PDB file of N, CA and C in Angstrom:
ATOM      1  N   UNK A   1      63.864 106.931  77.461  1.00  0.00           N
ATOM      2  CA  UNK A   1      63.675 108.202  78.129  1.00  0.00           C
ATOM      3  C   UNK A   1      65.004 108.804  78.583  1.00  0.00           C
ATOM      4  N   UNK A   2      65.908 107.969  79.034  1.00  0.00           N
ATOM      5  CA  UNK A   2      67.185 108.483  79.526  1.00  0.00           C
ATOM      6  C   UNK A   2      67.956 109.171  78.406  1.00  0.00           C
ATOM      7  N   UNK A   3      67.870 108.637  77.181  1.00  0.00           N
ATOM      8  CA  UNK A   3      68.557 109.264  76.050  1.00  0.00           C
ATOM      9  C   UNK A   3      68.098 110.688  75.830  1.00  0.00           C
ATOM     10  N   UNK A   4      66.798 110.921  75.918  1.00  0.00           N
ATOM     11  CA  UNK A   4      66.280 112.283  75.742  1.00  0.00           C
ATOM     12  C   UNK A   4      66.723 113.194  76.882  1.00  0.00           C
ATOM     13  N   UNK A   5      66.744 112.655  78.093  1.00  0.00           N
ATOM     14  CA  UNK A   5      67.202 113.455  79.234  1.00  0.00           C
ATOM     15  C   UNK A   5      68.651 113.869  79.052  1.00  0.00           C
ATOM     16  N   UNK A   6      69.473 112.964  78.540  1.00  0.00           N
ATOM     17  CA  UNK A   6      70.885 113.294  78.326  1.00  0.00           C
ATOM     18  C   UNK A   6      71.077 114.275  77.179  1.00  0.00           C
ATOM     19  N   UNK A   7      70.134 114.340  76.257  1.00  0.00           N
ATOM     20  CA  UNK A   7      70.186 115.367  75.210  1.00  0.00           C
ATOM     21  C   UNK A   7      69.913 116.745  75.805  1.00  0.00           C
ATOM     22  N   UNK A   8      69.158 116.783  76.905  1.00  0.00           N
ATOM     23  CA  UNK A   8      68.771 118.041  77.547  1.00  0.00           C
ATOM     24  C   UNK A   8      69.742 118.489  78.631  1.00  0.00           C
ATOM     25  N   UNK A   9      70.287 117.535  79.379  1.00  0.00           N
ATOM     26  CA  UNK A   9      71.088 117.895  80.548  1.00  0.00           C
ATOM     27  C   UNK A   9      72.140 116.827  80.806  1.00  0.00           C
ATOM     28  N   UNK A  10      73.362 117.276  81.039  1.00  0.00           N
ATOM     29  CA  UNK A  10      74.446 116.376  81.435  1.00  0.00           C
ATOM     30  C   UNK A  10      75.254 117.051  82.526  1.00  0.00           C
ATOM     31  N   UNK A  11      75.907 116.236  83.343  1.00  0.00           N
ATOM     32  CA  UNK A  11      76.737 116.759  84.428  1.00  0.00           C
ATOM     33  C   UNK A  11      78.149 116.205  84.332  1.00  0.00           C
ATOM     34  N   UNK A  12      79.119 117.034  84.678  1.00  0.00           N
ATOM     35  CA  UNK A  12      80.519 116.608  84.746  1.00  0.00           C
ATOM     36  C   UNK A  12      81.298 117.605  85.592  1.00  0.00           C
ATOM     37  N   UNK A  13      82.084 117.083  86.508  1.00  0.00           N
ATOM     38  CA  UNK A  13      82.978 117.909  87.336  1.00  0.00           C
ATOM     39  C   UNK A  13      82.250 119.061  88.019  1.00  0.00           C
ATOM     40  N   UNK A  14      81.048 118.805  88.516  1.00  0.00           N
ATOM     41  CA  UNK A  14      80.302 119.827  89.244  1.00  0.00           C
ATOM     42  C   UNK A  14      79.565 120.817  88.366  1.00  0.00           C
ATOM     43  N   UNK A  15      79.722 120.720  87.063  1.00  0.00           N
ATOM     44  CA  UNK A  15      79.035 121.613  86.126  1.00  0.00           C
ATOM     45  C   UNK A  15      77.795 120.917  85.572  1.00  0.00           C
ATOM     46  N   UNK A  16      76.792 121.709  85.222  1.00  0.00           N
ATOM     47  CA  UNK A  16      75.558 121.212  84.629  1.00  0.00           C
ATOM     48  C   UNK A  16      75.465 121.794  83.225  1.00  0.00           C
ATOM     49  N   UNK A  17      75.478 120.923  82.229  1.00  0.00           N
ATOM     50  CA  UNK A  17      75.438 121.347  80.836  1.00  0.00           C
ATOM     51  C   UNK A  17      74.011 121.215  80.300  1.00  0.00           C
ATOM     52  N   UNK A  18      73.448 122.340  79.871  1.00  0.00           N
ATOM     53  CA  UNK A  18      72.105 122.337  79.301  1.00  0.00           C
ATOM     54  C   UNK A  18      72.166 122.221  77.786  1.00  0.00           C
ATOM     55  N   UNK A  19      71.289 121.444  77.227  1.00  0.00           N
ATOM     56  CA  UNK A  19      71.114 121.262  75.789  1.00  0.00           C
ATOM     57  C   UNK A  19      72.395 120.809  75.070  1.00  0.00           C
ATOM     58  N   UNK A  20      73.129 119.823  75.627  1.00  0.00           N
ATOM     59  CA  UNK A  20      74.359 119.397  74.963  1.00  0.00           C
ATOM     60  C   UNK A  20      74.127 118.738  73.608  1.00  0.00           C
ATOM     61  N   UNK A  21      72.937 118.182  73.388  1.00  0.00           N
ATOM     62  CA  UNK A  21      72.669 117.501  72.116  1.00  0.00           C
ATOM     63  C   UNK A  21      71.247 117.777  71.629  1.00  0.00           C
ATOM     64  N   UNK A  22      70.659 118.868  72.076  1.00  0.00           N
ATOM     65  CA  UNK A  22      69.280 119.193  71.712  1.00  0.00           C
ATOM     66  C   UNK A  22      69.272 120.190  70.554  1.00  0.00           C
ATOM     67  N   UNK A  23      68.572 119.881  69.463  1.00  0.00           N
ATOM     68  CA  UNK A  23      68.488 120.835  68.349  1.00  0.00           C
ATOM     69  C   UNK A  23      67.778 122.129  68.768  1.00  0.00           C
ATOM     70  N   UNK A  24      68.368 123.233  68.428  1.00  0.00           N
ATOM     71  CA  UNK A  24      67.838 124.548  68.813  1.00  0.00           C
ATOM     72  C   UNK A  24      66.410 124.768  68.293  1.00  0.00           C
ATOM     73  N   UNK A  25      66.075 124.105  67.195  1.00  0.00           N
ATOM     74  CA  UNK A  25      64.773 124.293  66.558  1.00  0.00           C
ATOM     75  C   UNK A  25      63.647 123.529  67.251  1.00  0.00           C
ATOM     76  N   UNK A  26      63.966 122.622  68.163  1.00  0.00           N
ATOM     77  CA  UNK A  26      62.950 121.811  68.837  1.00  0.00           C
ATOM     78  C   UNK A  26      62.511 122.495  70.125  1.00  0.00           C
ATOM     79  N   UNK A  27      61.238 122.775  70.242  1.00  0.00           N
ATOM     80  CA  UNK A  27      60.688 123.339  71.475  1.00  0.00           C
ATOM     81  C   UNK A  27      60.616 122.253  72.540  1.00  0.00           C
ATOM     82  N   UNK A  28      60.856 122.649  73.786  1.00  0.00           N
ATOM     83  CA  UNK A  28      60.807 121.675  74.882  1.00  0.00           C
ATOM     84  C   UNK A  28      60.594 122.398  76.213  1.00  0.00           C
ATOM     85  N   UNK A  29      59.914 121.717  77.105  1.00  0.00           N
ATOM     86  CA  UNK A  29      59.804 122.140  78.505  1.00  0.00           C
ATOM     87  C   UNK A  29      60.220 120.928  79.329  1.00  0.00           C
ATOM     88  N   UNK A  30      61.065 121.142  80.332  1.00  0.00           N
ATOM     89  CA  UNK A  30      61.445 120.020  81.191  1.00  0.00           C
ATOM     90  C   UNK A  30      61.742 120.479  82.611  1.00  0.00           C
ATOM     91  N   UNK A  31      61.659 119.510  83.495  1.00  0.00           N
ATOM     92  CA  UNK A  31      62.035 119.685  84.897  1.00  0.00           C
ATOM     93  C   UNK A  31      62.772 118.405  85.277  1.00  0.00           C
ATOM     94  N   UNK A  32      64.089 118.528  85.459  1.00  0.00           N
ATOM     95  CA  UNK A  32      64.928 117.366  85.735  1.00  0.00           C
ATOM     96  C   UNK A  32      65.726 117.574  87.016  1.00  0.00           C
ATOM     97  N   UNK A  33      66.106 116.468  87.610  1.00  0.00           N
ATOM     98  CA  UNK A  33      66.902 116.496  88.836  1.00  0.00           C
ATOM     99  C   UNK A  33      68.362 116.223  88.502  1.00  0.00           C
ATOM    100  N   UNK A  34      69.230 116.891  89.233  1.00  0.00           N
ATOM    101  CA  UNK A  34      70.672 116.734  89.064  1.00  0.00           C
ATOM    102  C   UNK A  34      71.297 116.440  90.429  1.00  0.00           C
ATOM    103  N   UNK A  35      72.599 116.234  90.435  1.00  0.00           N
ATOM    104  CA  UNK A  35      73.313 115.964  91.691  1.00  0.00           C
ATOM    105  C   UNK A  35      73.219 117.161  92.630  1.00  0.00           C
ATOM    106  N   UNK A  36      73.595 116.931  93.871  1.00  0.00           N
ATOM    107  CA  UNK A  36      73.594 117.944  94.924  1.00  0.00           C
ATOM    108  C   UNK A  36      72.184 118.485  95.165  1.00  0.00           C
ATOM    109  N   UNK A  37      71.190 117.571  95.080  1.00  0.00           N
ATOM    110  CA  UNK A  37      69.803 117.917  95.371  1.00  0.00           C
ATOM    111  C   UNK A  37      69.330 119.119  94.552  1.00  0.00           C
ATOM    112  N   UNK A  38      69.664 119.114  93.270  1.00  0.00           N
ATOM    113  CA  UNK A  38      69.382 120.230  92.369  1.00  0.00           C
ATOM    114  C   UNK A  38      68.249 119.876  91.418  1.00  0.00           C
ATOM    115  N   UNK A  39      67.382 120.849  91.175  1.00  0.00           N
ATOM    116  CA  UNK A  39      66.312 120.716  90.194  1.00  0.00           C
ATOM    117  C   UNK A  39      66.464 121.824  89.161  1.00  0.00           C
ATOM    118  N   UNK A  40      66.395 121.442  87.903  1.00  0.00           N
ATOM    119  CA  UNK A  40      66.488 122.406  86.804  1.00  0.00           C
ATOM    120  C   UNK A  40      65.184 122.348  86.020  1.00  0.00           C
ATOM    121  N   UNK A  41      64.560 123.503  85.866  1.00  0.00           N
ATOM    122  CA  UNK A  41      63.341 123.625  85.078  1.00  0.00           C
ATOM    123  C   UNK A  41      63.634 124.613  83.957  1.00  0.00           C
ATOM    124  N   UNK A  42      63.333 124.210  82.727  1.00  0.00           N
ATOM    125  CA  UNK A  42      63.650 125.081  81.596  1.00  0.00           C
ATOM    126  C   UNK A  42      62.608 124.932  80.499  1.00  0.00           C
ATOM    127  N   UNK A  43      62.467 126.016  79.727  1.00  0.00           N
ATOM    128  CA  UNK A  43      61.610 125.985  78.549  1.00  0.00           C
ATOM    129  C   UNK A  43      62.340 126.647  77.392  1.00  0.00           C
ATOM    130  N   UNK A  44      62.440 125.905  76.302  1.00  0.00           N
ATOM    131  CA  UNK A  44      63.029 126.398  75.067  1.00  0.00           C
ATOM    132  C   UNK A  44      61.898 126.555  74.058  1.00  0.00           C
ATOM    133  N   UNK A  45      61.719 127.763  73.551  1.00  0.00           N
ATOM    134  CA  UNK A  45      60.637 128.034  72.611  1.00  0.00           C
ATOM    135  C   UNK A  45      61.185 128.855  71.454  1.00  0.00           C
ATOM    136  N   UNK A  46      61.020 128.346  70.232  1.00  0.00           N
ATOM    137  CA  UNK A  46      61.473 129.041  69.019  1.00  0.00           C
ATOM    138  C   UNK A  46      62.952 129.432  69.083  1.00  0.00           C
ATOM    139  N   UNK A  47      63.772 128.535  69.610  1.00  0.00           N
ATOM    140  CA  UNK A  47      65.209 128.761  69.657  1.00  0.00           C
ATOM    141  C   UNK A  47      65.693 129.645  70.789  1.00  0.00           C
ATOM    142  N   UNK A  48      64.789 130.074  71.680  1.00  0.00           N
ATOM    143  CA  UNK A  48      65.157 130.941  72.801  1.00  0.00           C
ATOM    144  C   UNK A  48      64.853 130.274  74.128  1.00  0.00           C
ATOM    145  N   UNK A  49      65.766 130.406  75.067  1.00  0.00           N
ATOM    146  CA  UNK A  49      65.537 129.917  76.411  1.00  0.00           C
ATOM    147  C   UNK A  49      64.618 130.909  77.115  1.00  0.00           C
ATOM    148  N   UNK A  50      63.371 130.514  77.325  1.00  0.00           N
ATOM    149  CA  UNK A  50      62.357 131.402  77.909  1.00  0.00           C
ATOM    150  C   UNK A  50      62.318 131.310  79.424  1.00  0.00           C
ATOM    151  N   UNK A  51      62.578 130.103  79.957  1.00  0.00           N
ATOM    152  CA  UNK A  51      62.507 129.876  81.403  1.00  0.00           C
ATOM    153  C   UNK A  51      63.729 129.090  81.825  1.00  0.00           C
ATOM    154  N   UNK A  52      64.360 129.519  82.911  1.00  0.00           N
ATOM    155  CA  UNK A  52      65.418 128.739  83.542  1.00  0.00           C
ATOM    156  C   UNK A  52      65.311 128.957  85.044  1.00  0.00           C
ATOM    157  N   UNK A  53      64.908 127.911  85.744  1.00  0.00           N
ATOM    158  CA  UNK A  53      64.821 127.949  87.209  1.00  0.00           C
ATOM    159  C   UNK A  53      65.748 126.870  87.745  1.00  0.00           C
ATOM    160  N   UNK A  54      66.588 127.251  88.672  1.00  0.00           N
ATOM    161  CA  UNK A  54      67.525 126.319  89.292  1.00  0.00           C
ATOM    162  C   UNK A  54      67.320 126.380  90.794  1.00  0.00           C
ATOM    163  N   UNK A  55      67.069 125.216  91.386  1.00  0.00           N
ATOM    164  CA  UNK A  55      66.894 125.119  92.836  1.00  0.00           C
ATOM    165  C   UNK A  55      67.893 124.093  93.336  1.00  0.00           C
ATOM    166  N   UNK A  56      68.748 124.434  94.275  1.00  0.00           N
ATOM    167  CA  UNK A  56      68.890 125.719  94.940  1.00  0.00           C
ATOM    168  C   UNK A  56      69.545 126.769  94.032  1.00  0.00           C
ATOM    169  N   UNK A  57      69.223 128.002  94.268  1.00  0.00           N
ATOM    170  CA  UNK A  57      69.665 129.132  93.450  1.00  0.00           C
ATOM    171  C   UNK A  57      71.194 129.202  93.323  1.00  0.00           C
ATOM    172  N   UNK A  58      71.919 128.797  94.364  1.00  0.00           N
ATOM    173  CA  UNK A  58      73.390 128.899  94.307  1.00  0.00           C
ATOM    174  C   UNK A  58      74.010 127.942  93.285  1.00  0.00           C
ATOM    175  N   UNK A  59      73.270 126.974  92.779  1.00  0.00           N
ATOM    176  CA  UNK A  59      73.788 126.092  91.725  1.00  0.00           C
ATOM    177  C   UNK A  59      73.697 126.728  90.341  1.00  0.00           C
ATOM    178  N   UNK A  60      73.019 127.868  90.236  1.00  0.00           N
ATOM    179  CA  UNK A  60      72.867 128.530  88.936  1.00  0.00           C
ATOM    180  C   UNK A  60      74.229 128.883  88.330  1.00  0.00           C
ATOM    181  N   UNK A  61      75.205 129.139  89.156  1.00  0.00           N
ATOM    182  CA  UNK A  61      76.561 129.473  88.678  1.00  0.00           C
ATOM    183  C   UNK A  61      77.231 128.286  87.986  1.00  0.00           C
ATOM    184  N   UNK A  62      76.717 127.085  88.238  1.00  0.00           N
ATOM    185  CA  UNK A  62      77.292 125.882  87.639  1.00  0.00           C
ATOM    186  C   UNK A  62      76.666 125.517  86.298  1.00  0.00           C
ATOM    187  N   UNK A  63      75.677 126.285  85.852  1.00  0.00           N
ATOM    188  CA  UNK A  63      74.974 126.007  84.595  1.00  0.00           C
ATOM    189  C   UNK A  63      75.790 126.536  83.415  1.00  0.00           C
ATOM    190  N   UNK A  64      75.962 125.686  82.415  1.00  0.00           N
ATOM    191  CA  UNK A  64      76.590 126.089  81.160  1.00  0.00           C
ATOM    192  C   UNK A  64      75.602 125.754  80.052  1.00  0.00           C
ATOM    193  N   UNK A  65      75.109 126.791  79.387  1.00  0.00           N
ATOM    194  CA  UNK A  65      74.120 126.629  78.332  1.00  0.00           C
ATOM    195  C   UNK A  65      74.841 126.381  77.007  1.00  0.00           C
ATOM    196  N   UNK A  66      74.631 125.196  76.435  1.00  0.00           N
ATOM    197  CA  UNK A  66      75.295 124.828  75.181  1.00  0.00           C
ATOM    198  C   UNK A  66      74.389 125.030  73.968  1.00  0.00           C
ATOM    199  N   UNK A  67      73.257 125.624  74.160  1.00  0.00           N
ATOM    200  CA  UNK A  67      72.299 125.821  73.083  1.00  0.00           C
ATOM    201  C   UNK A  67      72.912 126.635  71.957  1.00  0.00           C
ATOM    202  N   UNK A  68      72.914 126.079  70.766  1.00  0.00           N
ATOM    203  CA  UNK A  68      73.430 126.791  69.603  1.00  0.00           C
ATOM    204  C   UNK A  68      74.938 126.817  69.471  1.00  0.00           C
ATOM    205  N   UNK A  69      75.651 126.164  70.382  1.00  0.00           N
ATOM    206  CA  UNK A  69      77.116 126.133  70.299  1.00  0.00           C
ATOM    207  C   UNK A  69      77.551 125.075  69.284  1.00  0.00           C
ATOM    208  N   UNK A  70      78.623 125.347  68.578  1.00  0.00           N
ATOM    209  CA  UNK A  70      79.171 124.381  67.620  1.00  0.00           C
ATOM    210  C   UNK A  70      79.888 123.268  68.385  1.00  0.00           C
ATOM    211  N   UNK A  71      80.174 122.181  67.696  1.00  0.00           N
ATOM    212  CA  UNK A  71      80.908 121.079  68.315  1.00  0.00           C
ATOM    213  C   UNK A  71      82.285 121.541  68.793  1.00  0.00           C
ATOM    214  N   UNK A  72      82.912 122.419  68.033  1.00  0.00           N
ATOM    215  CA  UNK A  72      84.237 122.936  68.429  1.00  0.00           C
ATOM    216  C   UNK A  72      84.132 123.733  69.729  1.00  0.00           C
ATOM    217  N   UNK A  73      83.106 124.554  69.841  1.00  0.00           N
ATOM    218  CA  UNK A  73      82.912 125.350  71.067  1.00  0.00           C
ATOM    219  C   UNK A  73      82.622 124.452  72.261  1.00  0.00           C
ATOM    220  N   UNK A  74      81.824 123.409  72.041  1.00  0.00           N
ATOM    221  CA  UNK A  74      81.511 122.461  73.117  1.00  0.00           C
ATOM    222  C   UNK A  74      82.763 121.730  73.573  1.00  0.00           C
ATOM    223  N   UNK A  75      83.623 121.358  72.632  1.00  0.00           N
ATOM    224  CA  UNK A  75      84.850 120.630  72.966  1.00  0.00           C
ATOM    225  C   UNK A  75      85.781 121.489  73.804  1.00  0.00           C
ATOM    226  N   UNK A  76      85.849 122.782  73.533  1.00  0.00           N
ATOM    227  CA  UNK A  76      86.722 123.685  74.298  1.00  0.00           C
ATOM    228  C   UNK A  76      86.313 123.754  75.752  1.00  0.00           C
ATOM    229  N   UNK A  77      85.028 123.554  76.053  1.00  0.00           N
ATOM    230  CA  UNK A  77      84.537 123.645  77.421  1.00  0.00           C
ATOM    231  C   UNK A  77      84.939 122.443  78.265  1.00  0.00           C
ATOM    232  N   UNK A  78      85.308 121.334  77.626  1.00  0.00           N
ATOM    233  CA  UNK A  78      85.643 120.119  78.371  1.00  0.00           C
ATOM    234  C   UNK A  78      87.076 120.046  78.739  1.00  0.00           C
TER     235      UNK A  78
END
């Protein structure tokens, strides 16, 4: 289960990375907990992010959506 969670969400240096290893073609709904008492709820449907809820709201600025990014683009963010 942890492997699938890490495909959906990873954290580093205060940032929350969504879909770092999730294929864009796979539909998913999840609600996961992150550091700093944060909850992320998201739904990916047909390659589009349909729902993104972040609690507390002020952590939304720390979200980086990697959906559809190439490996080169992902590497530049680190």
